[in-house]
Amino acid sequence: MFKISEFSRLSRIPLQTLRYYDQIGLLKPARIDSLTGYRHYAAEQLLEINRNVIFKELGFTLQQITQLLQEDISACLVRAENGALEGMQP
C-alpha cells in the first residue's frame, strides 16, 4: 500500500487530482485510515490510473471515463478505439 504522496509520485498525478478523482468516484483509495483519514492506494491501482490517463489522452471527459468504467471493459475498449480512429480521419 502506498500513501497518497507516494502514489502521486509513482503515478505522476498531482495530489489534488487524486483527491478530486476520489471525490468524483473515478479512483477511490484502496483504504482510508479511520483515525488519520490518510488515503492508501494499492499497487494495482497504478494500472487503473494509467488507464484513466489513456482515456483522457483519447479525448474522453472525466464523466465519460467514469461511465465507461462502470460498464463492461470490452465495451470501453471498443469505444476508445472508435474514438481514436475517428480522430485520425481527415
PDB file of N, CA and C in Angstrom:
ATOM      1  N   MET A   1       0.842  -1.186   0.000  1.00  0.00           N
ATOM      2  CA  MET A   1       0.000   0.000   0.000  1.00  0.00           C
ATOM      3  C   MET A   1       0.882   1.242   0.000  1.00  0.00           C
ATOM      4  N   PHE A   2       0.413   2.237  -0.718  1.00  0.00           N
ATOM      5  CA  PHE A   2       1.141   3.497  -0.810  1.00  0.00           C
ATOM      6  C   PHE A   2       0.302   4.617  -0.210  1.00  0.00           C
ATOM      7  N   LYS A   3       0.939   5.497   0.538  1.00  0.00           N
ATOM      8  CA  LYS A   3       0.263   6.720   0.957  1.00  0.00           C
ATOM      9  C   LYS A   3       0.024   7.554  -0.288  1.00  0.00           C
ATOM     10  N   ILE A   4      -0.894   8.492  -0.201  1.00  0.00           N
ATOM     11  CA  ILE A   4      -1.258   9.285  -1.367  1.00  0.00           C
ATOM     12  C   ILE A   4      -0.050  10.019  -1.958  1.00  0.00           C
ATOM     13  N   SER A   5       0.866  10.479  -1.106  1.00  0.00           N
ATOM     14  CA  SER A   5       2.040  11.197  -1.615  1.00  0.00           C
ATOM     15  C   SER A   5       2.935  10.272  -2.435  1.00  0.00           C
ATOM     16  N   GLU A   6       3.096   9.031  -1.972  1.00  0.00           N
ATOM     17  CA  GLU A   6       3.904   8.059  -2.713  1.00  0.00           C
ATOM     18  C   GLU A   6       3.222   7.681  -4.025  1.00  0.00           C
ATOM     19  N   PHE A   7       1.917   7.480  -3.948  1.00  0.00           N
ATOM     20  CA  PHE A   7       1.157   7.114  -5.142  1.00  0.00           C
ATOM     21  C   PHE A   7       1.192   8.250  -6.163  1.00  0.00           C
ATOM     22  N   SER A   8       1.111   9.472  -5.677  1.00  0.00           N
ATOM     23  CA  SER A   8       1.196  10.644  -6.547  1.00  0.00           C
ATOM     24  C   SER A   8       2.536  10.679  -7.273  1.00  0.00           C
ATOM     25  N   ARG A   9       3.588  10.439  -6.540  1.00  0.00           N
ATOM     26  CA  ARG A   9       4.932  10.451  -7.136  1.00  0.00           C
ATOM     27  C   ARG A   9       5.075   9.341  -8.175  1.00  0.00           C
ATOM     28  N   LEU A  10       4.625   8.140  -7.837  1.00  0.00           N
ATOM     29  CA  LEU A  10       4.755   7.000  -8.745  1.00  0.00           C
ATOM     30  C   LEU A  10       3.898   7.150 -10.003  1.00  0.00           C
ATOM     31  N   SER A  11       2.709   7.698  -9.829  1.00  0.00           N
ATOM     32  CA  SER A  11       1.780   7.824 -10.956  1.00  0.00           C
ATOM     33  C   SER A  11       1.949   9.132 -11.726  1.00  0.00           C
ATOM     34  N   ARG A  12       2.693  10.066 -11.110  1.00  0.00           N
ATOM     35  CA  ARG A  12       2.886  11.405 -11.689  1.00  0.00           C
ATOM     36  C   ARG A  12       1.561  12.160 -11.838  1.00  0.00           C
ATOM     37  N   ILE A  13       0.666  11.884 -10.894  1.00  0.00           N
ATOM     38  CA  ILE A  13      -0.623  12.571 -10.820  1.00  0.00           C
ATOM     39  C   ILE A  13      -0.589  13.439  -9.567  1.00  0.00           C
ATOM     40  N   PRO A  14      -0.878  14.746  -9.711  1.00  0.00           N
ATOM     41  CA  PRO A  14      -0.831  15.638  -8.541  1.00  0.00           C
ATOM     42  C   PRO A  14      -1.772  15.182  -7.414  1.00  0.00           C
ATOM     43  N   LEU A  15      -1.379  15.492  -6.188  1.00  0.00           N
ATOM     44  CA  LEU A  15      -2.188  15.141  -5.015  1.00  0.00           C
ATOM     45  C   LEU A  15      -3.615  15.655  -5.147  1.00  0.00           C
ATOM     46  N   GLN A  16      -3.755  16.910  -5.555  1.00  0.00           N
ATOM     47  CA  GLN A  16      -5.094  17.493  -5.678  1.00  0.00           C
ATOM     48  C   GLN A  16      -5.945  16.725  -6.680  1.00  0.00           C
ATOM     49  N   THR A  17      -5.326  16.261  -7.747  1.00  0.00           N
ATOM     50  CA  THR A  17      -6.056  15.497  -8.758  1.00  0.00           C
ATOM     51  C   THR A  17      -6.511  14.162  -8.189  1.00  0.00           C
ATOM     52  N   LEU A  18      -5.648  13.494  -7.435  1.00  0.00           N
ATOM     53  CA  LEU A  18      -6.036  12.228  -6.809  1.00  0.00           C
ATOM     54  C   LEU A  18      -7.192  12.435  -5.835  1.00  0.00           C
ATOM     55  N   ARG A  19      -7.140  13.509  -5.077  1.00  0.00           N
ATOM     56  CA  ARG A  19      -8.241  13.805  -4.145  1.00  0.00           C
ATOM     57  C   ARG A  19      -9.539  14.071  -4.908  1.00  0.00           C
ATOM     58  N   TYR A  20      -9.425  14.779  -6.029  1.00  0.00           N
ATOM     59  CA  TYR A  20     -10.600  15.065  -6.853  1.00  0.00           C
ATOM     60  C   TYR A  20     -11.154  13.775  -7.457  1.00  0.00           C
ATOM     61  N   TYR A  21     -10.280  12.909  -7.952  1.00  0.00           N
ATOM     62  CA  TYR A  21     -10.721  11.628  -8.511  1.00  0.00           C
ATOM     63  C   TYR A  21     -11.452  10.807  -7.455  1.00  0.00           C
ATOM     64  N   ASP A  22     -10.991  10.861  -6.221  1.00  0.00           N
ATOM     65  CA  ASP A  22     -11.679  10.185  -5.126  1.00  0.00           C
ATOM     66  C   ASP A  22     -13.057  10.807  -4.925  1.00  0.00           C
ATOM     67  N   GLN A  23     -13.119  12.115  -4.923  1.00  0.00           N
ATOM     68  CA  GLN A  23     -14.373  12.841  -4.698  1.00  0.00           C
ATOM     69  C   GLN A  23     -15.425  12.494  -5.749  1.00  0.00           C
ATOM     70  N   ILE A  24     -15.019  12.381  -7.016  1.00  0.00           N
ATOM     71  CA  ILE A  24     -15.990  12.107  -8.084  1.00  0.00           C
ATOM     72  C   ILE A  24     -16.170  10.608  -8.343  1.00  0.00           C
ATOM     73  N   GLY A  25     -15.418   9.778  -7.624  1.00  0.00           N
ATOM     74  CA  GLY A  25     -15.569   8.340  -7.756  1.00  0.00           C
ATOM     75  C   GLY A  25     -14.788   7.714  -8.895  1.00  0.00           C
ATOM     76  N   LEU A  26     -13.874   8.457  -9.480  1.00  0.00           N
ATOM     77  CA  LEU A  26     -13.088   7.929 -10.595  1.00  0.00           C
ATOM     78  C   LEU A  26     -12.002   6.966 -10.126  1.00  0.00           C
ATOM     79  N   LEU A  27     -11.373   7.270  -9.011  1.00  0.00           N
ATOM     80  CA  LEU A  27     -10.354   6.380  -8.437  1.00  0.00           C
ATOM     81  C   LEU A  27     -10.410   6.516  -6.919  1.00  0.00           C
ATOM     82  N   LYS A  28     -11.069   5.558  -6.305  1.00  0.00           N
ATOM     83  CA  LYS A  28     -11.183   5.542  -4.848  1.00  0.00           C
ATOM     84  C   LYS A  28      -9.944   4.891  -4.247  1.00  0.00           C
ATOM     85  N   PRO A  29      -9.446   5.402  -3.128  1.00  0.00           N
ATOM     86  CA  PRO A  29      -8.322   4.738  -2.456  1.00  0.00           C
ATOM     87  C   PRO A  29      -8.715   3.317  -2.060  1.00  0.00           C
ATOM     88  N   ALA A  30      -7.736   2.434  -2.016  1.00  0.00           N
ATOM     89  CA  ALA A  30      -7.997   1.059  -1.586  1.00  0.00           C
ATOM     90  C   ALA A  30      -8.410   1.035  -0.117  1.00  0.00           C
ATOM     91  N   ARG A  31      -7.864   1.986   0.649  1.00  0.00           N
ATOM     92  CA  ARG A  31      -8.167   2.047   2.083  1.00  0.00           C
ATOM     93  C   ARG A  31      -7.998   3.480   2.558  1.00  0.00           C
ATOM     94  N   ILE A  32      -8.859   3.883   3.479  1.00  0.00           N
ATOM     95  CA  ILE A  32      -8.716   5.176   4.151  1.00  0.00           C
ATOM     96  C   ILE A  32      -8.590   4.887   5.640  1.00  0.00           C
ATOM     97  N   ASP A  33      -7.516   5.367   6.237  1.00  0.00           N
ATOM     98  CA  ASP A  33      -7.273   5.149   7.664  1.00  0.00           C
ATOM     99  C   ASP A  33      -8.361   5.856   8.461  1.00  0.00           C
ATOM    100  N   SER A  34      -9.060   5.112   9.299  1.00  0.00           N
ATOM    101  CA  SER A  34     -10.178   5.684  10.056  1.00  0.00           C
ATOM    102  C   SER A  34      -9.730   6.692  11.109  1.00  0.00           C
ATOM    103  N   LEU A  35      -8.496   6.592  11.572  1.00  0.00           N
ATOM    104  CA  LEU A  35      -8.004   7.535  12.578  1.00  0.00           C
ATOM    105  C   LEU A  35      -7.446   8.813  11.961  1.00  0.00           C
ATOM    106  N   THR A  36      -6.651   8.651  10.910  1.00  0.00           N
ATOM    107  CA  THR A  36      -5.965   9.812  10.327  1.00  0.00           C
ATOM    108  C   THR A  36      -6.652  10.369   9.090  1.00  0.00           C
ATOM    109  N   GLY A  37      -7.475   9.542   8.433  1.00  0.00           N
ATOM    110  CA  GLY A  37      -8.100   9.961   7.182  1.00  0.00           C
ATOM    111  C   GLY A  37      -7.161   9.850   5.988  1.00  0.00           C
ATOM    112  N   TYR A  38      -5.971   9.322   6.209  1.00  0.00           N
ATOM    113  CA  TYR A  38      -4.999   9.178   5.116  1.00  0.00           C
ATOM    114  C   TYR A  38      -5.509   8.177   4.091  1.00  0.00           C
ATOM    115  N   ARG A  39      -5.316   8.542   2.833  1.00  0.00           N
ATOM    116  CA  ARG A  39      -5.688   7.653   1.741  1.00  0.00           C
ATOM    117  C   ARG A  39      -4.511   6.731   1.433  1.00  0.00           C
ATOM    118  N   HIS A  40      -4.821   5.465   1.192  1.00  0.00           N
ATOM    119  CA  HIS A  40      -3.802   4.480   0.827  1.00  0.00           C
ATOM    120  C   HIS A  40      -4.236   3.806  -0.470  1.00  0.00           C
ATOM    121  N   TYR A  41      -3.286   3.654  -1.372  1.00  0.00           N
ATOM    122  CA  TYR A  41      -3.557   3.068  -2.681  1.00  0.00           C
ATOM    123  C   TYR A  41      -2.763   1.782  -2.850  1.00  0.00           C
ATOM    124  N   ALA A  42      -3.345   0.830  -3.567  1.00  0.00           N
ATOM    125  CA  ALA A  42      -2.686  -0.445  -3.854  1.00  0.00           C
ATOM    126  C   ALA A  42      -1.881  -0.324  -5.143  1.00  0.00           C
ATOM    127  N   ALA A  43      -0.882  -1.174  -5.275  1.00  0.00           N
ATOM    128  CA  ALA A  43      -0.035  -1.162  -6.471  1.00  0.00           C
ATOM    129  C   ALA A  43      -0.868  -1.375  -7.736  1.00  0.00           C
ATOM    130  N   GLU A  44      -1.901  -2.212  -7.650  1.00  0.00           N
ATOM    131  CA  GLU A  44      -2.752  -2.480  -8.810  1.00  0.00           C
ATOM    132  C   GLU A  44      -3.436  -1.218  -9.320  1.00  0.00           C
ATOM    133  N   GLN A  45      -3.612  -0.250  -8.444  1.00  0.00           N
ATOM    134  CA  GLN A  45      -4.292   0.973  -8.842  1.00  0.00           C
ATOM    135  C   GLN A  45      -3.440   1.843  -9.759  1.00  0.00           C
ATOM    136  N   LEU A  46      -2.147   1.563  -9.830  1.00  0.00           N
ATOM    137  CA  LEU A  46      -1.309   2.268 -10.802  1.00  0.00           C
ATOM    138  C   LEU A  46      -1.775   1.944 -12.216  1.00  0.00           C
ATOM    139  N   LEU A  47      -2.214   0.703 -12.435  1.00  0.00           N
ATOM    140  CA  LEU A  47      -2.762   0.330 -13.739  1.00  0.00           C
ATOM    141  C   LEU A  47      -4.050   1.087 -14.019  1.00  0.00           C
ATOM    142  N   GLU A  48      -4.889   1.218 -12.999  1.00  0.00           N
ATOM    143  CA  GLU A  48      -6.150   1.942 -13.156  1.00  0.00           C
ATOM    144  C   GLU A  48      -5.905   3.404 -13.517  1.00  0.00           C
ATOM    145  N   ILE A  49      -4.985   4.044 -12.824  1.00  0.00           N
ATOM    146  CA  ILE A  49      -4.734   5.459 -13.090  1.00  0.00           C
ATOM    147  C   ILE A  49      -4.121   5.640 -14.472  1.00  0.00           C
ATOM    148  N   ASN A  50      -3.280   4.693 -14.889  1.00  0.00           N
ATOM    149  CA  ASN A  50      -2.707   4.770 -16.232  1.00  0.00           C
ATOM    150  C   ASN A  50      -3.788   4.618 -17.297  1.00  0.00           C
ATOM    151  N   ARG A  51      -4.742   3.740 -17.053  1.00  0.00           N
ATOM    152  CA  ARG A  51      -5.868   3.572 -17.980  1.00  0.00           C
ATOM    153  C   ARG A  51      -6.664   4.872 -18.080  1.00  0.00           C
ATOM    154  N   ASN A  52      -6.884   5.514 -16.946  1.00  0.00           N
ATOM    155  CA  ASN A  52      -7.618   6.782 -16.949  1.00  0.00           C
ATOM    156  C   ASN A  52      -6.874   7.845 -17.743  1.00  0.00           C
ATOM    157  N   VAL A  53      -5.563   7.883 -17.602  1.00  0.00           N
ATOM    158  CA  VAL A  53      -4.742   8.843 -18.349  1.00  0.00           C
ATOM    159  C   VAL A  53      -4.878   8.589 -19.847  1.00  0.00           C
ATOM    160  N   ILE A  54      -4.865   7.322 -20.241  1.00  0.00           N
ATOM    161  CA  ILE A  54      -5.008   6.986 -21.663  1.00  0.00           C
ATOM    162  C   ILE A  54      -6.366   7.442 -22.179  1.00  0.00           C
ATOM    163  N   PHE A  55      -7.420   7.183 -21.421  1.00  0.00           N
ATOM    164  CA  PHE A  55      -8.747   7.636 -21.832  1.00  0.00           C
ATOM    165  C   PHE A  55      -8.786   9.157 -21.981  1.00  0.00           C
ATOM    166  N   LYS A  56      -8.161   9.876 -21.055  1.00  0.00           N
ATOM    167  CA  LYS A  56      -8.119  11.346 -21.154  1.00  0.00           C
ATOM    168  C   LYS A  56      -7.375  11.775 -22.408  1.00  0.00           C
ATOM    169  N   GLU A  57      -6.266  11.100 -22.707  1.00  0.00           N
ATOM    170  CA  GLU A  57      -5.492  11.440 -23.898  1.00  0.00           C
ATOM    171  C   GLU A  57      -6.276  11.162 -25.177  1.00  0.00           C
ATOM    172  N   LEU A  58      -7.212  10.206 -25.119  1.00  0.00           N
ATOM    173  CA  LEU A  58      -8.066   9.911 -26.266  1.00  0.00           C
ATOM    174  C   LEU A  58      -9.212  10.911 -26.397  1.00  0.00           C
ATOM    175  N   GLY A  59      -9.322  11.824 -25.426  1.00  0.00           N
ATOM    176  CA  GLY A  59     -10.319  12.881 -25.521  1.00  0.00           C
ATOM    177  C   GLY A  59     -11.579  12.673 -24.708  1.00  0.00           C
ATOM    178  N   PHE A  60     -11.619  11.626 -23.892  1.00  0.00           N
ATOM    179  CA  PHE A  60     -12.788  11.401 -23.053  1.00  0.00           C
ATOM    180  C   PHE A  60     -12.783  12.380 -21.884  1.00  0.00           C
ATOM    181  N   THR A  61     -13.968  12.824 -21.478  1.00  0.00           N
ATOM    182  CA  THR A  61     -14.089  13.664 -20.286  1.00  0.00           C
ATOM    183  C   THR A  61     -14.043  12.763 -19.050  1.00  0.00           C
ATOM    184  N   LEU A  62     -13.837  13.364 -17.887  1.00  0.00           N
ATOM    185  CA  LEU A  62     -13.823  12.574 -16.647  1.00  0.00           C
ATOM    186  C   LEU A  62     -15.164  11.889 -16.426  1.00  0.00           C
ATOM    187  N   GLN A  63     -16.240  12.578 -16.754  1.00  0.00           N
ATOM    188  CA  GLN A  63     -17.571  11.987 -16.601  1.00  0.00           C
ATOM    189  C   GLN A  63     -17.725  10.775 -17.524  1.00  0.00           C
ATOM    190  N   GLN A  64     -17.252  10.896 -18.757  1.00  0.00           N
ATOM    191  CA  GLN A  64     -17.333   9.774 -19.687  1.00  0.00           C
ATOM    192  C   GLN A  64     -16.478   8.601 -19.208  1.00  0.00           C
ATOM    193  N   ILE A  65     -15.293   8.905 -18.693  1.00  0.00           N
ATOM    194  CA  ILE A  65     -14.412   7.844 -18.192  1.00  0.00           C
ATOM    195  C   ILE A  65     -15.086   7.107 -17.040  1.00  0.00           C
ATOM    196  N   THR A  66     -15.692   7.854 -16.131  1.00  0.00           N
ATOM    197  CA  THR A  66     -16.395   7.239 -15.002  1.00  0.00           C
ATOM    198  C   THR A  66     -17.501   6.321 -15.505  1.00  0.00           C
ATOM    199  N   GLN A  67     -18.266   6.789 -16.499  1.00  0.00           N
ATOM    200  CA  GLN A  67     -19.338   5.968 -17.061  1.00  0.00           C
ATOM    201  C   GLN A  67     -18.781   4.727 -17.753  1.00  0.00           C
ATOM    202  N   LEU A  68     -17.715   4.904 -18.508  1.00  0.00           N
ATOM    203  CA  LEU A  68     -17.106   3.772 -19.204  1.00  0.00           C
ATOM    204  C   LEU A  68     -16.630   2.706 -18.230  1.00  0.00           C
ATOM    205  N   LEU A  69     -16.051   3.135 -17.136  1.00  0.00           N
ATOM    206  CA  LEU A  69     -15.516   2.187 -16.165  1.00  0.00           C
ATOM    207  C   LEU A  69     -16.611   1.439 -15.424  1.00  0.00           C
ATOM    208  N   GLN A  70     -17.804   1.998 -15.422  1.00  0.00           N
ATOM    209  CA  GLN A  70     -18.928   1.322 -14.782  1.00  0.00           C
ATOM    210  C   GLN A  70     -19.541   0.273 -15.709  1.00  0.00           C
ATOM    211  N   GLU A  71     -19.207   0.346 -17.003  1.00  0.00           N
ATOM    212  CA  GLU A  71     -19.706  -0.610 -17.983  1.00  0.00           C
ATOM    213  C   GLU A  71     -18.685  -1.722 -18.175  1.00  0.00           C
ATOM    214  N   ASP A  72     -19.011  -2.632 -19.039  1.00  0.00           N
ATOM    215  CA  ASP A  72     -18.106  -3.734 -19.395  1.00  0.00           C
ATOM    216  C   ASP A  72     -16.845  -3.166 -20.024  1.00  0.00           C
ATOM    217  N   ILE A  73     -15.676  -3.605 -19.561  1.00  0.00           N
ATOM    218  CA  ILE A  73     -14.401  -3.064 -20.035  1.00  0.00           C
ATOM    219  C   ILE A  73     -14.214  -3.301 -21.526  1.00  0.00           C
ATOM    220  N   SER A  74     -14.733  -4.390 -22.080  1.00  0.00           N
ATOM    221  CA  SER A  74     -14.578  -4.627 -23.516  1.00  0.00           C
ATOM    222  C   SER A  74     -15.331  -3.567 -24.303  1.00  0.00           C
ATOM    223  N   ALA A  75     -16.482  -3.148 -23.822  1.00  0.00           N
ATOM    224  CA  ALA A  75     -17.216  -2.072 -24.481  1.00  0.00           C
ATOM    225  C   ALA A  75     -16.429  -0.773 -24.396  1.00  0.00           C
ATOM    226  N   CYS A  76     -15.754  -0.566 -23.279  1.00  0.00           N
ATOM    227  CA  CYS A  76     -14.919   0.624 -23.115  1.00  0.00           C
ATOM    228  C   CYS A  76     -13.812   0.652 -24.156  1.00  0.00           C
ATOM    229  N   LEU A  77     -13.177  -0.476 -24.352  1.00  0.00           N
ATOM    230  CA  LEU A  77     -12.069  -0.534 -25.297  1.00  0.00           C
ATOM    231  C   LEU A  77     -12.545  -0.289 -26.718  1.00  0.00           C
ATOM    232  N   VAL A  78     -13.692  -0.823 -27.073  1.00  0.00           N
ATOM    233  CA  VAL A  78     -14.243  -0.603 -28.410  1.00  0.00           C
ATOM    234  C   VAL A  78     -14.509   0.877 -28.624  1.00  0.00           C
ATOM    235  N   ARG A  79     -15.106   1.526 -27.653  1.00  0.00           N
ATOM    236  CA  ARG A  79     -15.390   2.958 -27.783  1.00  0.00           C
ATOM    237  C   ARG A  79     -14.106   3.772 -27.882  1.00  0.00           C
ATOM    238  N   ALA A  80     -13.131   3.429 -27.088  1.00  0.00           N
ATOM    239  CA  ALA A  80     -11.863   4.157 -27.121  1.00  0.00           C
ATOM    240  C   ALA A  80     -11.197   4.004 -28.481  1.00  0.00           C
ATOM    241  N   GLU A  81     -11.212   2.792 -29.008  1.00  0.00           N
ATOM    242  CA  GLU A  81     -10.615   2.562 -30.322  1.00  0.00           C
ATOM    243  C   GLU A  81     -11.374   3.319 -31.401  1.00  0.00           C
ATOM    244  N   ASN A  82     -12.700   3.298 -31.335  1.00  0.00           N
ATOM    245  CA  ASN A  82     -13.503   4.025 -32.316  1.00  0.00           C
ATOM    246  C   ASN A  82     -13.234   5.521 -32.248  1.00  0.00           C
ATOM    247  N   GLY A  83     -13.146   6.052 -31.061  1.00  0.00           N
ATOM    248  CA  GLY A  83     -12.857   7.478 -30.897  1.00  0.00           C
ATOM    249  C   GLY A  83     -11.498   7.844 -31.444  1.00  0.00           C
ATOM    250  N   ALA A  84     -10.519   6.989 -31.209  1.00  0.00           N
ATOM    251  CA  ALA A  84      -9.171   7.251 -31.713  1.00  0.00           C
ATOM    252  C   ALA A  84      -9.153   7.204 -33.231  1.00  0.00           C
ATOM    253  N   LEU A  85      -9.878   6.250 -33.812  1.00  0.00           N
ATOM    254  CA  LEU A  85      -9.925   6.140 -35.271  1.00  0.00           C
ATOM    255  C   LEU A  85     -10.630   7.336 -35.893  1.00  0.00           C
ATOM    256  N   GLU A  86     -11.710   7.797 -35.274  1.00  0.00           N
ATOM    257  CA  GLU A  86     -12.419   8.969 -35.787  1.00  0.00           C
ATOM    258  C   GLU A  86     -11.524  10.195 -35.771  1.00  0.00           C
ATOM    259  N   GLY A  87     -10.707  10.312 -34.758  1.00  0.00           N
ATOM    260  CA  GLY A  87      -9.798  11.449 -34.655  1.00  0.00           C
ATOM    261  C   GLY A  87      -8.706  11.424 -35.699  1.00  0.00           C
ATOM    262  N   MET A  88      -8.450  10.269 -36.272  1.00  0.00           N
ATOM    263  CA  MET A  88      -7.387  10.135 -37.264  1.00  0.00           C
ATOM    264  C   MET A  88      -7.889  10.362 -38.687  1.00  0.00           C
ATOM    265  N   GLN A  89      -9.210  10.393 -38.876  1.00  0.00           N
ATOM    266  CA  GLN A  89      -9.757  10.571 -40.219  1.00  0.00           C
ATOM    267  C   GLN A  89      -9.584  12.012 -40.673  1.00  0.00           C
ATOM    268  N   PRO A  90      -9.288  12.193 -41.987  1.00  0.00           N
ATOM    269  CA  PRO A  90      -9.099  13.567 -42.499  1.00  0.00           C
ATOM    270  C   PRO A  90     -10.377  14.345 -42.575  1.00  0.00           C
TER     271      PRO A  90
END
